[in-house]
PDB file of N, CA and C in Angstrom:
ATOM      1  N   MET A   1      41.724-100.604  65.255  1.00  0.00           N
ATOM      2  CA  MET A   1      42.182 -99.395  64.819  1.00  0.00           C
ATOM      3  C   MET A   1      43.488 -98.907  64.288  1.00  0.00           C
ATOM      4  N   ARG A   2      44.205 -99.758  64.722  1.00  0.00           N
ATOM      5  CA  ARG A   2      45.450 -99.120  64.501  1.00  0.00           C
ATOM      6  C   ARG A   2      45.782 -99.301  62.597  1.00  0.00           C
ATOM      7  N   GLY A   3      45.420-100.341  62.425  1.00  0.00           N
ATOM      8  CA  GLY A   3      45.046 -99.971  60.668  1.00  0.00           C
ATOM      9  C   GLY A   3      44.396 -99.454  60.270  1.00  0.00           C
ATOM     10  N   ILE A   4      43.505 -98.567  59.988  1.00  0.00           N
ATOM     11  CA  ILE A   4      42.488 -97.021  59.514  1.00  0.00           C
ATOM     12  C   ILE A   4      43.816 -95.679  59.790  1.00  0.00           C
ATOM     13  N   THR A   5      44.584 -96.303  61.904  1.00  0.00           N
ATOM     14  CA  THR A   5      45.393 -95.306  61.768  1.00  0.00           C
ATOM     15  C   THR A   5      46.970 -94.767  60.840  1.00  0.00           C
ATOM     16  N   ASN A   6      46.993 -96.291  60.826  1.00  0.00           N
ATOM     17  CA  ASN A   6      48.441 -96.814  59.751  1.00  0.00           C
ATOM     18  C   ASN A   6      47.723 -95.872  58.303  1.00  0.00           C
ATOM     19  N   ILE A   7      46.153 -95.925  57.681  1.00  0.00           N
ATOM     20  CA  ILE A   7      46.310 -95.892  56.222  1.00  0.00           C
ATOM     21  C   ILE A   7      46.262 -93.692  55.966  1.00  0.00           C
ATOM     22  N   PHE A   8      46.192 -93.312  57.310  1.00  0.00           N
ATOM     23  CA  PHE A   8      45.109 -92.353  57.148  1.00  0.00           C
ATOM     24  C   PHE A   8      46.840 -90.963  57.478  1.00  0.00           C
ATOM     25  N   LYS A   9      47.674 -92.243  57.968  1.00  0.00           N
ATOM     26  CA  LYS A   9      48.859 -91.380  58.293  1.00  0.00           C
ATOM     27  C   LYS A   9      49.549 -90.499  57.364  1.00  0.00           C
ATOM     28  N   LYS A  10      49.524 -90.671  56.815  1.00  0.00           N
ATOM     29  CA  LYS A  10      50.169 -90.171  55.062  1.00  0.00           C
ATOM     30  C   LYS A  10      49.534 -89.138  54.838  1.00  0.00           C
ATOM     31  N   SER A  11      48.233 -89.002  54.936  1.00  0.00           N
ATOM     32  CA  SER A  11      46.932 -87.898  54.419  1.00  0.00           C
ATOM     33  C   SER A  11      46.811 -86.496  55.984  1.00  0.00           C
ATOM     34  N   THR A  12      45.890 -85.664  55.166  1.00  0.00           N
ATOM     35  CA  THR A  12      45.674 -84.453  55.675  1.00  0.00           C
ATOM     36  C   THR A  12      44.718 -84.288  57.210  1.00  0.00           C
ATOM     37  N   ILE A  13      43.882 -86.034  56.620  1.00  0.00           N
ATOM     38  CA  ILE A  13      43.102 -86.224  57.589  1.00  0.00           C
ATOM     39  C   ILE A  13      43.441 -87.417  58.652  1.00  0.00           C
ATOM     40  N   LYS A  14      42.882 -86.195  60.172  1.00  0.00           N
ATOM     41  CA  LYS A  14      43.452 -86.952  61.495  1.00  0.00           C
ATOM     42  C   LYS A  14      41.991 -87.916  62.038  1.00  0.00           C
ATOM     43  N   THR A  15      42.352 -88.948  62.440  1.00  0.00           N
ATOM     44  CA  THR A  15      41.707 -89.661  63.651  1.00  0.00           C
ATOM     45  C   THR A  15      40.724 -89.950  64.551  1.00  0.00           C
ATOM     46  N   ALA A  16      40.387 -90.033  64.743  1.00  0.00           N
ATOM     47  CA  ALA A  16      40.335 -89.066  66.985  1.00  0.00           C
ATOM     48  C   ALA A  16      39.409 -90.949  66.646  1.00  0.00           C
ATOM     49  N   TYR A  17      39.749 -90.797  67.954  1.00  0.00           N
ATOM     50  CA  TYR A  17      38.449 -92.377  69.127  1.00  0.00           C
ATOM     51  C   TYR A  17      37.151 -92.115  69.718  1.00  0.00           C
ATOM     52  N   ARG A  18      36.775 -92.206  69.359  1.00  0.00           N
ATOM     53  CA  ARG A  18      35.298 -92.466  70.568  1.00  0.00           C
ATOM     54  C   ARG A  18      35.212 -93.429  71.434  1.00  0.00           C
ATOM     55  N   THR A  19      34.739 -93.110  73.038  1.00  0.00           N
ATOM     56  CA  THR A  19      34.675 -94.116  73.169  1.00  0.00           C
ATOM     57  C   THR A  19      32.575 -94.374  73.416  1.00  0.00           C
ATOM     58  N   THR A  20      32.532 -95.433  74.016  1.00  0.00           N
ATOM     59  CA  THR A  20      30.860 -96.092  73.922  1.00  0.00           C
ATOM     60  C   THR A  20      30.218 -96.240  75.457  1.00  0.00           C
ATOM     61  N   ASN A  21      32.062 -95.726  75.788  1.00  0.00           N
ATOM     62  CA  ASN A  21      32.163 -96.240  77.784  1.00  0.00           C
ATOM     63  C   ASN A  21      31.649 -94.507  78.587  1.00  0.00           C
ATOM     64  N   ASN A  22      30.399 -94.295  78.066  1.00  0.00           N
ATOM     65  CA  ASN A  22      30.902 -92.570  78.483  1.00  0.00           C
ATOM     66  C   ASN A  22      28.820 -92.900  79.512  1.00  0.00           C
ATOM     67  N   ILE A  23      28.910 -91.766  80.304  1.00  0.00           N
ATOM     68  CA  ILE A  23      27.564 -91.768  81.338  1.00  0.00           C
ATOM     69  C   ILE A  23      26.607 -91.705  80.571  1.00  0.00           C
ATOM     70  N   PHE A  24      26.282 -91.166  79.291  1.00  0.00           N
ATOM     71  CA  PHE A  24      25.008 -91.443  78.827  1.00  0.00           C
ATOM     72  C   PHE A  24      24.534 -92.867  78.216  1.00  0.00           C
ATOM     73  N   ASN A  25      25.922 -93.885  77.753  1.00  0.00           N
ATOM     74  CA  ASN A  25      25.848 -94.609  77.024  1.00  0.00           C
ATOM     75  C   ASN A  25      24.823 -96.036  79.128  1.00  0.00           C
ATOM     76  N   LEU A  26      25.525 -95.483  79.728  1.00  0.00           N
ATOM     77  CA  LEU A  26      25.907 -96.672  81.136  1.00  0.00           C
ATOM     78  C   LEU A  26      24.494 -96.290  81.908  1.00  0.00           C
ATOM     79  N   LEU A  27      24.327 -94.954  81.128  1.00  0.00           N
ATOM     80  CA  LEU A  27      22.914 -94.820  82.206  1.00  0.00           C
ATOM     81  C   LEU A  27      21.521 -94.642  82.011  1.00  0.00           C
ATOM     82  N   ALA A  28      21.634 -94.962  80.403  1.00  0.00           N
ATOM     83  CA  ALA A  28      20.377 -95.515  79.215  1.00  0.00           C
ATOM     84  C   ALA A  28      20.448 -96.882  79.359  1.00  0.00           C
ATOM     85  N   SER A  29      22.268 -97.577  79.740  1.00  0.00           N
ATOM     86  CA  SER A  29      21.198 -98.711  79.353  1.00  0.00           C
ATOM     87  C   SER A  29      21.095 -99.403  79.790  1.00  0.00           C
ATOM     88  N   GLU A  30      20.741 -99.054  81.247  1.00  0.00           N
ATOM     89  CA  GLU A  30      20.505 -99.707  82.837  1.00  0.00           C
ATOM     90  C   GLU A  30      18.923-100.758  83.066  1.00  0.00           C
ATOM     91  N   LYS A  31      18.916-102.479  83.069  1.00  0.00           N
ATOM     92  CA  LYS A  31      17.439-101.884  82.863  1.00  0.00           C
ATOM     93  C   LYS A  31      16.727-102.126  84.915  1.00  0.00           C
ATOM     94  N   HIS A  32      16.117-102.401  84.176  1.00  0.00           N
ATOM     95  CA  HIS A  32      15.254-101.928  85.776  1.00  0.00           C
ATOM     96  C   HIS A  32      14.413-103.728  85.647  1.00  0.00           C
ATOM     97  N   THR A  33      14.731-104.174  86.734  1.00  0.00           N
ATOM     98  CA  THR A  33      14.696-105.997  86.558  1.00  0.00           C
ATOM     99  C   THR A  33      13.587-105.556  87.723  1.00  0.00           C
ATOM    100  N   SER A  34      13.277-105.386  89.120  1.00  0.00           N
ATOM    101  CA  SER A  34      12.745-104.903  89.990  1.00  0.00           C
ATOM    102  C   SER A  34      10.816-105.263  89.609  1.00  0.00           C
ATOM    103  N   GLY A  35       9.535-105.495  90.117  1.00  0.00           N
ATOM    104  CA  GLY A  35       8.511-105.003  89.730  1.00  0.00           C
ATOM    105  C   GLY A  35       7.331-103.949  90.055  1.00  0.00           C
ATOM    106  N   ARG A  36       8.792-103.762  91.617  1.00  0.00           N
ATOM    107  CA  ARG A  36       8.550-101.800  92.145  1.00  0.00           C
ATOM    108  C   ARG A  36       8.594-101.504  91.588  1.00  0.00           C
ATOM    109  N   LEU A  37       8.233 -99.978  91.485  1.00  0.00           N
ATOM    110  CA  LEU A  37       8.095 -98.791  90.320  1.00  0.00           C
ATOM    111  C   LEU A  37       9.324 -97.463  91.033  1.00  0.00           C
ATOM    112  N   SER A  38      11.514 -97.817  90.777  1.00  0.00           N
ATOM    113  CA  SER A  38      12.033 -97.308  92.169  1.00  0.00           C
ATOM    114  C   SER A  38      12.148 -95.419  91.134  1.00  0.00           C
ATOM    115  N   GLY A  39      11.959 -94.761  91.530  1.00  0.00           N
ATOM    116  CA  GLY A  39      13.486 -93.798  90.202  1.00  0.00           C
ATOM    117  C   GLY A  39      13.429 -91.723  91.363  1.00  0.00           C
ATOM    118  N   ILE A  40      13.318 -91.137  90.043  1.00  0.00           N
ATOM    119  CA  ILE A  40      13.613 -90.397  90.282  1.00  0.00           C
ATOM    120  C   ILE A  40      11.623 -89.816  90.250  1.00  0.00           C
ATOM    121  N   TYR A  41      11.115 -88.977  91.237  1.00  0.00           N
ATOM    122  CA  TYR A  41       9.464 -88.452  91.070  1.00  0.00           C
ATOM    123  C   TYR A  41      10.286 -86.787  90.768  1.00  0.00           C
ATOM    124  N   ARG A  42       8.974 -85.840  90.453  1.00  0.00           N
ATOM    125  CA  ARG A  42       8.888 -84.498  90.932  1.00  0.00           C
ATOM    126  C   ARG A  42       6.946 -84.880  91.978  1.00  0.00           C
ATOM    127  N   LEU A  43       7.406 -83.462  93.015  1.00  0.00           N
ATOM    128  CA  LEU A  43       6.112 -83.277  93.199  1.00  0.00           C
ATOM    129  C   LEU A  43       6.633 -81.741  93.275  1.00  0.00           C
ATOM    130  N   ILE A  44       4.967 -81.501  92.674  1.00  0.00           N
ATOM    131  CA  ILE A  44       4.430 -79.534  92.816  1.00  0.00           C
ATOM    132  C   ILE A  44       3.596 -79.475  93.314  1.00  0.00           C
ATOM    133  N   CYS A  45       4.077 -78.111  94.130  1.00  0.00           N
ATOM    134  CA  CYS A  45       2.747 -77.123  95.458  1.00  0.00           C
ATOM    135  C   CYS A  45       2.626 -77.121  94.187  1.00  0.00           C
ATOM    136  N   ASN A  46       0.371 -77.033  94.358  1.00  0.00           N
ATOM    137  CA  ASN A  46      -0.052 -77.017  94.058  1.00  0.00           C
ATOM    138  C   ASN A  46      -0.717 -75.179  93.648  1.00  0.00           C
ATOM    139  N   THR A  47       0.050 -74.353  94.961  1.00  0.00           N
ATOM    140  CA  THR A  47      -0.540 -72.957  94.485  1.00  0.00           C
ATOM    141  C   THR A  47       0.502 -72.095  93.766  1.00  0.00           C
ATOM    142  N   CYS A  48       1.984 -72.245  94.215  1.00  0.00           N
ATOM    143  CA  CYS A  48       2.588 -71.651  93.030  1.00  0.00           C
ATOM    144  C   CYS A  48       3.794 -72.318  92.692  1.00  0.00           C
ATOM    145  N   ASN A  49       3.570 -73.719  91.796  1.00  0.00           N
ATOM    146  CA  ASN A  49       3.545 -74.750  90.599  1.00  0.00           C
ATOM    147  C   ASN A  49       5.872 -75.022  91.051  1.00  0.00           C
ATOM    148  N   GLN A  50       5.766 -74.823  92.210  1.00  0.00           N
ATOM    149  CA  GLN A  50       7.151 -75.238  92.705  1.00  0.00           C
ATOM    150  C   GLN A  50       7.262 -76.114  92.942  1.00  0.00           C
ATOM    151  N   ALA A  51       8.365 -76.408  91.745  1.00  0.00           N
ATOM    152  CA  ALA A  51       8.288 -78.286  91.596  1.00  0.00           C
ATOM    153  C   ALA A  51       9.440 -78.639  92.531  1.00  0.00           C
ATOM    154  N   TYR A  52       9.865 -79.452  93.527  1.00  0.00           N
ATOM    155  CA  TYR A  52      11.086 -80.282  94.233  1.00  0.00           C
ATOM    156  C   TYR A  52      10.928 -81.347  92.945  1.00  0.00           C
ATOM    157  N   ILE A  53      12.300 -82.148  93.554  1.00  0.00           N
ATOM    158  CA  ILE A  53      13.160 -83.254  92.796  1.00  0.00           C
ATOM    159  C   ILE A  53      13.474 -84.226  94.645  1.00  0.00           C
ATOM    160  N   GLY A  54      13.213 -86.122  93.381  1.00  0.00           N
ATOM    161  CA  GLY A  54      14.057 -85.987  95.101  1.00  0.00           C
ATOM    162  C   GLY A  54      13.292 -87.693  94.052  1.00  0.00           C
ATOM    163  N   GLN A  55      14.042 -88.874  95.107  1.00  0.00           N
ATOM    164  CA  GLN A  55      14.521 -89.951  94.255  1.00  0.00           C
ATOM    165  C   GLN A  55      13.303 -90.617  95.441  1.00  0.00           C
ATOM    166  N   MET A  56      13.032 -92.505  95.124  1.00  0.00           N
ATOM    167  CA  MET A  56      12.365 -93.317  95.628  1.00  0.00           C
ATOM    168  C   MET A  56      12.394 -94.868  95.720  1.00  0.00           C
ATOM    169  N   GLY A  57      12.985 -95.986  96.817  1.00  0.00           N
ATOM    170  CA  GLY A  57      12.943 -96.901  96.345  1.00  0.00           C
ATOM    171  C   GLY A  57      11.815 -98.040  96.807  1.00  0.00           C
ATOM    172  N   ARG A  58      11.137 -96.673  96.865  1.00  0.00           N
ATOM    173  CA  ARG A  58       9.615 -98.142  97.679  1.00  0.00           C
ATOM    174  C   ARG A  58       8.996 -97.396  96.258  1.00  0.00           C
ATOM    175  N   THR A  59       7.634 -97.751  96.044  1.00  0.00           N
ATOM    176  CA  THR A  59       5.970 -97.298  94.917  1.00  0.00           C
ATOM    177  C   THR A  59       5.391 -95.552  95.672  1.00  0.00           C
ATOM    178  N   ILE A  60       5.762 -94.931  94.297  1.00  0.00           N
ATOM    179  CA  ILE A  60       5.031 -94.014  94.909  1.00  0.00           C
ATOM    180  C   ILE A  60       3.743 -93.642  95.193  1.00  0.00           C
ATOM    181  N   ASN A  61       2.984 -94.337  95.481  1.00  0.00           N
ATOM    182  CA  ASN A  61       2.321 -94.331  96.763  1.00  0.00           C
ATOM    183  C   ASN A  61       2.296 -93.661  97.454  1.00  0.00           C
ATOM    184  N   ILE A  62       2.976 -95.318  98.076  1.00  0.00           N
ATOM    185  CA  ILE A  62       3.683 -94.844  99.964  1.00  0.00           C
ATOM    186  C   ILE A  62       4.657 -93.521  99.815  1.00  0.00           C
ATOM    187  N   ARG A  63       5.216 -93.596  99.043  1.00  0.00           N
ATOM    188  CA  ARG A  63       6.086 -92.326  99.195  1.00  0.00           C
ATOM    189  C   ARG A  63       5.052 -91.253  99.199  1.00  0.00           C
ATOM    190  N   TYR A  64       4.023 -90.688  98.376  1.00  0.00           N
ATOM    191  CA  TYR A  64       3.078 -90.219  98.530  1.00  0.00           C
ATOM    192  C   TYR A  64       2.450 -89.630  99.906  1.00  0.00           C
ATOM    193  N   LYS A  65       2.307 -90.658 100.073  1.00  0.00           N
ATOM    194  CA  LYS A  65       1.316 -91.204 102.048  1.00  0.00           C
ATOM    195  C   LYS A  65       1.993 -90.169 102.957  1.00  0.00           C
ATOM    196  N   GLU A  66       3.349 -90.652 102.761  1.00  0.00           N
ATOM    197  CA  GLU A  66       4.736 -90.269 103.954  1.00  0.00           C
ATOM    198  C   GLU A  66       4.687 -88.213 103.587  1.00  0.00           C
ATOM    199  N   TYR A  67       4.616 -88.068 102.275  1.00  0.00           N
ATOM    200  CA  TYR A  67       4.673 -86.727 102.198  1.00  0.00           C
ATOM    201  C   TYR A  67       3.112 -85.786 103.017  1.00  0.00           C
ATOM    202  N   ILE A  68       2.550 -86.304 102.831  1.00  0.00           N
ATOM    203  CA  ILE A  68       1.200 -86.035 103.598  1.00  0.00           C
ATOM    204  C   ILE A  68       1.015 -85.952 104.779  1.00  0.00           C
ATOM    205  N   ARG A  69       1.579 -87.768 105.681  1.00  0.00           N
ATOM    206  CA  ARG A  69       2.222 -87.239 106.631  1.00  0.00           C
ATOM    207  C   ARG A  69       2.672 -86.506 106.966  1.00  0.00           C
ATOM    208  N   TYR A  70       3.967 -86.406 106.915  1.00  0.00           N
ATOM    209  CA  TYR A  70       4.963 -85.270 107.858  1.00  0.00           C
ATOM    210  C   TYR A  70       4.195 -83.717 106.913  1.00  0.00           C
ATOM    211  N   ILE A  71       3.506 -83.417 106.518  1.00  0.00           N
ATOM    212  CA  ILE A  71       2.257 -82.228 106.457  1.00  0.00           C
ATOM    213  C   ILE A  71       1.364 -81.995 107.257  1.00  0.00           C
ATOM    214  N   LYS A  72       1.015 -82.866 107.515  1.00  0.00           N
ATOM    215  CA  LYS A  72      -0.284 -83.330 108.718  1.00  0.00           C
ATOM    216  C   LYS A  72       0.380 -82.997 109.835  1.00  0.00           C
ATOM    217  N   THR A  73       1.618 -84.028 110.278  1.00  0.00           N
ATOM    218  CA  THR A  73       2.525 -83.866 111.030  1.00  0.00           C
ATOM    219  C   THR A  73       3.242 -82.779 111.741  1.00  0.00           C
ATOM    220  N   ASN A  74       3.894 -82.003 110.775  1.00  0.00           N
ATOM    221  CA  ASN A  74       4.228 -80.904 110.594  1.00  0.00           C
ATOM    222  C   ASN A  74       5.359 -81.013 111.215  1.00  0.00           C
ATOM    223  N   LYS A  75       5.797 -82.338 110.134  1.00  0.00           N
ATOM    224  CA  LYS A  75       7.841 -83.547 110.933  1.00  0.00           C
ATOM    225  C   LYS A  75       8.080 -82.712 109.696  1.00  0.00           C
ATOM    226  N   PRO A  76       9.591 -81.752 109.721  1.00  0.00           N
ATOM    227  CA  PRO A  76      10.187 -81.578 109.367  1.00  0.00           C
ATOM    228  C   PRO A  76      11.603 -82.226 108.304  1.00  0.00           C
ATOM    229  N   GLN A  77      10.815 -83.346 108.177  1.00  0.00           N
ATOM    230  CA  GLN A  77      11.952 -84.695 106.742  1.00  0.00           C
ATOM    231  C   GLN A  77      12.108 -84.287 106.396  1.00  0.00           C
ATOM    232  N   SER A  78      11.330 -83.405 105.087  1.00  0.00           N
ATOM    233  CA  SER A  78      11.526 -83.153 103.732  1.00  0.00           C
ATOM    234  C   SER A  78      10.850 -81.724 103.513  1.00  0.00           C
ATOM    235  N   ALA A  79      11.355 -80.951 102.667  1.00  0.00           N
ATOM    236  CA  ALA A  79      11.910 -79.854 102.029  1.00  0.00           C
ATOM    237  C   ALA A  79       9.850 -79.130 100.916  1.00  0.00           C
ATOM    238  N   TYR A  80       9.634 -80.231 100.884  1.00  0.00           N
ATOM    239  CA  TYR A  80       8.099 -80.603 100.211  1.00  0.00           C
ATOM    240  C   TYR A  80       7.170 -80.208 101.122  1.00  0.00           C
ATOM    241  N   ALA A  81       7.309 -80.273 102.297  1.00  0.00           N
ATOM    242  CA  ALA A  81       5.766 -80.917 103.209  1.00  0.00           C
ATOM    243  C   ALA A  81       6.371 -79.212 104.502  1.00  0.00           C
ATOM    244  N   LEU A  82       7.526 -79.079 104.279  1.00  0.00           N
ATOM    245  CA  LEU A  82       7.888 -77.780 104.854  1.00  0.00           C
ATOM    246  C   LEU A  82       7.473 -76.576 104.069  1.00  0.00           C
ATOM    247  N   HIS A  83       7.570 -76.254 102.630  1.00  0.00           N
ATOM    248  CA  HIS A  83       6.939 -75.570 102.271  1.00  0.00           C
ATOM    249  C   HIS A  83       5.649 -75.539 102.220  1.00  0.00           C
ATOM    250  N   ILE A  84       5.183 -76.678 101.796  1.00  0.00           N
ATOM    251  CA  ILE A  84       3.300 -76.612 102.592  1.00  0.00           C
ATOM    252  C   ILE A  84       3.367 -75.910 103.646  1.00  0.00           C
ATOM    253  N   ARG A  85       3.427 -76.600 104.461  1.00  0.00           N
ATOM    254  CA  ARG A  85       3.421 -75.791 106.231  1.00  0.00           C
ATOM    255  C   ARG A  85       4.088 -74.325 106.345  1.00  0.00           C
ATOM    256  N   ASN A  86       4.723 -73.830 106.069  1.00  0.00           N
ATOM    257  CA  ASN A  86       5.485 -72.562 106.039  1.00  0.00           C
ATOM    258  C   ASN A  86       4.532 -72.061 105.267  1.00  0.00           C
ATOM    259  N   ASN A  87       4.850 -72.200 103.723  1.00  0.00           N
ATOM    260  CA  ASN A  87       3.824 -70.919 103.230  1.00  0.00           C
ATOM    261  C   ASN A  87       2.312 -70.856 103.041  1.00  0.00           C
ATOM    262  N   ARG A  88       1.844 -72.256 104.164  1.00  0.00           N
ATOM    263  CA  ARG A  88       0.633 -72.140 103.488  1.00  0.00           C
ATOM    264  C   ARG A  88      -0.091 -72.700 102.648  1.00  0.00           C
ATOM    265  N   HIS A  89       0.583 -73.477 101.220  1.00  0.00           N
ATOM    266  CA  HIS A  89      -0.070 -73.354 100.610  1.00  0.00           C
ATOM    267  C   HIS A  89      -0.597 -74.677 100.184  1.00  0.00           C
ATOM    268  N   GLU A  90      -1.241 -75.673  98.642  1.00  0.00           N
ATOM    269  CA  GLU A  90      -2.544 -76.515  99.175  1.00  0.00           C
ATOM    270  C   GLU A  90      -1.492 -77.493  98.645  1.00  0.00           C
ATOM    271  N   TYR A  91      -1.222 -78.648  98.477  1.00  0.00           N
ATOM    272  CA  TYR A  91      -1.142 -80.030  98.047  1.00  0.00           C
ATOM    273  C   TYR A  91      -2.379 -80.342  97.712  1.00  0.00           C
ATOM    274  N   GLY A  92      -2.230 -80.556  95.745  1.00  0.00           N
ATOM    275  CA  GLY A  92      -3.766 -82.457  95.154  1.00  0.00           C
ATOM    276  C   GLY A  92      -3.360 -83.042  95.704  1.00  0.00           C
ATOM    277  N   PRO A  93      -4.179 -83.905  95.153  1.00  0.00           N
ATOM    278  CA  PRO A  93      -4.506 -85.959  95.386  1.00  0.00           C
ATOM    279  C   PRO A  93      -2.989 -85.825  94.466  1.00  0.00           C
ATOM    280  N   GLN A  94      -2.671 -86.955  93.961  1.00  0.00           N
ATOM    281  CA  GLN A  94      -1.233 -87.797  93.522  1.00  0.00           C
ATOM    282  C   GLN A  94      -0.931 -87.398  92.542  1.00  0.00           C
ATOM    283  N   GLU A  95      -2.239 -87.369  91.541  1.00  0.00           N
ATOM    284  CA  GLU A  95      -2.188 -87.636  90.588  1.00  0.00           C
ATOM    285  C   GLU A  95      -1.918 -86.424  89.304  1.00  0.00           C
ATOM    286  N   GLU A  96      -2.059 -84.973  90.150  1.00  0.00           N
ATOM    287  CA  GLU A  96      -1.943 -83.820  89.860  1.00  0.00           C
ATOM    288  C   GLU A  96      -0.920 -83.270  90.244  1.00  0.00           C
ATOM    289  N   THR A  97       0.279 -84.181  91.466  1.00  0.00           N
ATOM    290  CA  THR A  97       0.227 -83.682  92.012  1.00  0.00           C
ATOM    291  C   THR A  97       2.566 -84.203  92.248  1.00  0.00           C
ATOM    292  N   MET A  98       2.263 -85.775  92.184  1.00  0.00           N
ATOM    293  CA  MET A  98       3.054 -86.300  92.514  1.00  0.00           C
ATOM    294  C   MET A  98       3.205 -86.809  90.757  1.00  0.00           C
ATOM    295  N   GLN A  99       4.729 -87.491  89.915  1.00  0.00           N
ATOM    296  CA  GLN A  99       4.591 -88.087  89.216  1.00  0.00           C
ATOM    297  C   GLN A  99       6.575 -88.583  89.386  1.00  0.00           C
ATOM    298  N   LEU A 100       6.302 -89.832  88.617  1.00  0.00           N
ATOM    299  CA  LEU A 100       7.386 -91.064  88.041  1.00  0.00           C
ATOM    300  C   LEU A 100       7.989 -90.343  86.803  1.00  0.00           C
ATOM    301  N   VAL A 101       9.116 -89.732  87.347  1.00  0.00           N
ATOM    302  CA  VAL A 101       9.965 -88.440  86.170  1.00  0.00           C
ATOM    303  C   VAL A 101      10.799 -89.777  85.423  1.00  0.00           C
ATOM    304  N   LYS A 102      11.333 -90.513  86.089  1.00  0.00           N
ATOM    305  CA  LYS A 102      11.675 -91.684  85.208  1.00  0.00           C
ATOM    306  C   LYS A 102      12.415 -93.117  86.827  1.00  0.00           C
ATOM    307  N   THR A 103      12.479 -93.893  85.170  1.00  0.00           N
ATOM    308  CA  THR A 103      12.594 -94.973  86.777  1.00  0.00           C
ATOM    309  C   THR A 103      13.919 -96.031  86.953  1.00  0.00           C
ATOM    310  N   CYS A 104      14.395 -95.991  87.931  1.00  0.00           N
ATOM    311  CA  CYS A 104      15.332 -96.218  87.887  1.00  0.00           C
ATOM    312  C   CYS A 104      15.628 -96.993  89.164  1.00  0.00           C
ATOM    313  N   THR A 105      16.715 -97.774  89.861  1.00  0.00           N
ATOM    314  CA  THR A 105      16.906 -98.569  90.167  1.00  0.00           C
ATOM    315  C   THR A 105      17.842 -97.794  91.048  1.00  0.00           C
ATOM    316  N   LYS A 106      17.744 -97.665  92.984  1.00  0.00           N
ATOM    317  CA  LYS A 106      18.239 -97.689  93.925  1.00  0.00           C
ATOM    318  C   LYS A 106      20.059 -97.429  93.152  1.00  0.00           C
ATOM    319  N   GLY A 107      20.820 -96.453  93.897  1.00  0.00           N
ATOM    320  CA  GLY A 107      21.946 -96.481  93.730  1.00  0.00           C
ATOM    321  C   GLY A 107      22.717 -95.655  93.365  1.00  0.00           C
ATOM    322  N   LYS A 108      23.960 -95.310  92.564  1.00  0.00           N
ATOM    323  CA  LYS A 108      24.466 -94.140  92.232  1.00  0.00           C
ATOM    324  C   LYS A 108      23.881 -93.702  90.590  1.00  0.00           C
ATOM    325  N   HIS A 109      24.116 -94.456  90.636  1.00  0.00           N
ATOM    326  CA  HIS A 109      23.182 -93.804  88.320  1.00  0.00           C
ATOM    327  C   HIS A 109      22.449 -93.239  89.571  1.00  0.00           C
ATOM    328  N   MET A 110      21.059 -93.544  89.933  1.00  0.00           N
ATOM    329  CA  MET A 110      19.667 -93.398  90.478  1.00  0.00           C
ATOM    330  C   MET A 110      19.663 -91.608  91.334  1.00  0.00           C
ATOM    331  N   ASN A 111      21.232 -91.667  92.146  1.00  0.00           N
ATOM    332  CA  ASN A 111      21.459 -90.425  92.507  1.00  0.00           C
ATOM    333  C   ASN A 111      22.284 -89.431  91.621  1.00  0.00           C
ATOM    334  N   ILE A 112      22.834 -89.778  90.348  1.00  0.00           N
ATOM    335  CA  ILE A 112      23.378 -89.415  89.500  1.00  0.00           C
ATOM    336  C   ILE A 112      22.175 -88.733  88.190  1.00  0.00           C
ATOM    337  N   TRP A 113      21.223 -89.300  88.105  1.00  0.00           N
ATOM    338  CA  TRP A 113      19.319 -88.825  88.030  1.00  0.00           C
ATOM    339  C   TRP A 113      19.101 -87.869  88.357  1.00  0.00           C
ATOM    340  N   GLU A 114      18.607 -87.981  89.362  1.00  0.00           N
ATOM    341  CA  GLU A 114      17.655 -87.800  90.512  1.00  0.00           C
ATOM    342  C   GLU A 114      19.526 -85.489  90.601  1.00  0.00           C
ATOM    343  N   ALA A 115      20.090 -85.341  90.097  1.00  0.00           N
ATOM    344  CA  ALA A 115      21.218 -84.950  90.024  1.00  0.00           C
ATOM    345  C   ALA A 115      21.256 -83.607  88.951  1.00  0.00           C
ATOM    346  N   MET A 116      20.147 -84.522  87.554  1.00  0.00           N
ATOM    347  CA  MET A 116      19.860 -84.774  86.335  1.00  0.00           C
ATOM    348  C   MET A 116      18.743 -83.508  85.915  1.00  0.00           C
ATOM    349  N   TYR A 117      18.084 -84.364  86.895  1.00  0.00           N
ATOM    350  CA  TYR A 117      16.969 -83.900  86.983  1.00  0.00           C
ATOM    351  C   TYR A 117      16.712 -82.249  88.485  1.00  0.00           C
ATOM    352  N   ILE A 118      17.350 -82.333  89.587  1.00  0.00           N
ATOM    353  CA  ILE A 118      17.370 -80.844  89.233  1.00  0.00           C
ATOM    354  C   ILE A 118      18.153 -79.905  89.075  1.00  0.00           C
ATOM    355  N   LYS A 119      18.949 -80.721  88.664  1.00  0.00           N
ATOM    356  CA  LYS A 119      19.131 -79.255  87.523  1.00  0.00           C
ATOM    357  C   LYS A 119      19.074 -78.370  86.305  1.00  0.00           C
ATOM    358  N   GLU A 120      18.049 -79.830  85.877  1.00  0.00           N
ATOM    359  CA  GLU A 120      16.983 -79.036  84.474  1.00  0.00           C
ATOM    360  C   GLU A 120      15.996 -78.854  85.015  1.00  0.00           C
ATOM    361  N   CYS A 121      15.592 -78.591  86.272  1.00  0.00           N
ATOM    362  CA  CYS A 121      14.596 -78.356  86.916  1.00  0.00           C
ATOM    363  C   CYS A 121      15.095 -76.727  87.744  1.00  0.00           C
ATOM    364  N   HIS A 122      16.088 -75.940  88.022  1.00  0.00           N
ATOM    365  CA  HIS A 122      16.435 -74.942  88.295  1.00  0.00           C
ATOM    366  C   HIS A 122      16.977 -74.627  87.174  1.00  0.00           C
TER     367      HIS A 122
END
């Protein structure tokens, strides 16, 4: 790098260094090694089409069943379940209501991806 800088030092051309160690490259290069699909998901209210973004370390089937249980037992453990119960809205089958939008492993990367999807959604 210094050699290139020295070549252009006497000219009007300015050199700039660019890092490859940025958040996009760190997140894009993340490998999912587990056989279970964990990651960021989106839940849709069938009545008003409001979206809820969340993260899971379990399979999508198990997480969806948890939401149904929260709705049926009126447990305030989920903003989505509270929305459905308080507004008397409808939830649909898993295929229509819940989708995995980003596969990633649990940890700080999952938190970053979730924050990005929440910002995009709202």
